[in-house]
Every structure is written in structure tokens, then in C-alpha cells.
Protein backbone atom coordinates (compact mmCIF):
# COMPACT_ATOMS: atom_id res chain seq x y z
CA MET A 1 120.58 125.13 129.24
CA ALA A 2 117.52 124.34 131.30
CA THR A 3 115.70 127.41 130.43
CA ALA A 4 115.81 126.52 126.72
CA ARG A 5 113.99 123.26 127.75
CA TYR A 6 111.58 124.83 130.14
CA ALA A 7 108.44 123.87 128.04
CA GLU A 8 109.70 120.37 127.64
CA PHE A 9 110.02 119.98 131.56
CA VAL A 10 106.57 121.35 132.11
CA ALA A 11 105.08 118.98 129.68
CA ALA A 12 107.04 116.02 131.04
CA ASP A 13 105.71 116.71 134.61
CA GLY A 14 102.08 116.80 133.33
CA PHE A 15 101.73 120.52 133.89
CA ARG A 16 100.29 123.19 131.55
CA HIS A 17 100.77 126.86 131.32
CA LEU A 18 97.82 129.06 132.48
CA PRO A 19 97.57 132.17 130.41
CA VAL A 20 96.12 135.27 132.04
CA SER A 21 92.79 136.22 130.63
CA HIS A 22 90.74 139.31 130.87
CA LEU A 23 88.38 137.47 133.10
CA HIS A 24 91.31 136.82 135.50
CA ALA A 25 92.19 140.53 135.39
CA LEU A 26 88.62 141.57 136.07
CA ARG A 27 88.22 139.16 139.09
CA ALA A 28 91.60 140.22 140.41
CA GLY A 29 90.56 143.87 140.41
CA SER A 30 87.22 142.97 141.97
CA TRP A 31 88.28 141.43 145.28
CA PRO A 32 86.79 143.29 148.20
CA VAL A 33 89.69 142.47 150.42
CA GLU A 34 92.44 144.56 151.58
CA HIS A 35 95.34 143.02 149.89
CA ARG A 36 97.39 145.41 147.55
CA ASP A 37 99.76 142.95 145.80
CA PRO A 38 98.42 142.82 142.30
CA PHE A 39 100.29 139.41 141.47
CA ASP A 40 98.64 137.81 144.64
CA ARG A 41 95.23 139.07 143.59
CA MET A 42 95.91 137.57 140.12
CA LEU A 43 96.97 134.32 141.37
CA ALA A 44 93.82 134.05 143.73
CA ALA A 45 91.60 135.12 140.79
CA GLN A 46 93.05 132.29 138.69
CA SER A 47 92.60 129.78 141.30
CA GLU A 48 89.12 130.56 141.84
CA LEU A 49 88.04 130.86 138.09
CA GLU A 50 89.88 127.91 136.96
CA ARG A 51 88.87 125.84 140.07
CA MET A 52 92.37 124.98 140.94
CA PRO A 53 93.94 124.91 144.37
CA LEU A 54 96.77 127.34 144.89
CA VAL A 55 99.93 125.85 146.20
CA THR A 56 101.21 128.17 148.77
CA ARG A 57 102.12 128.69 152.46
CA ASP A 58 101.33 132.29 152.38
CA PRO A 59 98.51 132.94 154.94
CA ALA A 60 97.49 136.14 153.06
CA PHE A 61 95.45 134.03 150.45
CA ALA A 62 92.98 133.03 153.33
CA LEU A 63 91.66 136.59 152.70
CA PHE A 64 90.44 135.49 149.32
CA GLY A 65 88.80 132.25 150.34
CA VAL A 66 90.56 130.17 147.62
CA GLU A 67 91.53 126.65 148.34
CA THR A 68 95.21 126.34 149.14
CA LEU A 69 97.57 123.40 149.36
CA TRP A 70 100.65 123.02 151.46
């Protein structure tokens, strides 16, 4: 089953898991933009704090000013 080997697939592709930290949560809650989706806010916070581009086509992320790809 593929789900049982998920960690192996992630490592084989050169990716790593990014845990949610308290700093991410604090930043997600502090965005001054009108965007109510908490998951989107967390993704934007992680992108900013970890200095990683966010892979998305969702134009809503432009509100956060984070770098996006796609």
C-alpha cells in the first residue's frame, strides 16, 4: 500500500516534512489581511518564516506577500 511507504517516497524525492511550530502559529494568527482560512494562513506563515516559496495557483496568497511558484 502506497500510504505505508509515504515517508520513503518523500525522502526518495528529496523532500522533508515541515512540522508546524509555535512560531508558525503565532505568525499565522498575526497576518493583518482579511483571509479567514486558518490552513492558508499557516501555509503562508511557514512559507515566510522558513524562507520557502509556496507552490500554489491560488491568487489569495498574494494578500500575504509570500513568494509563490506555479
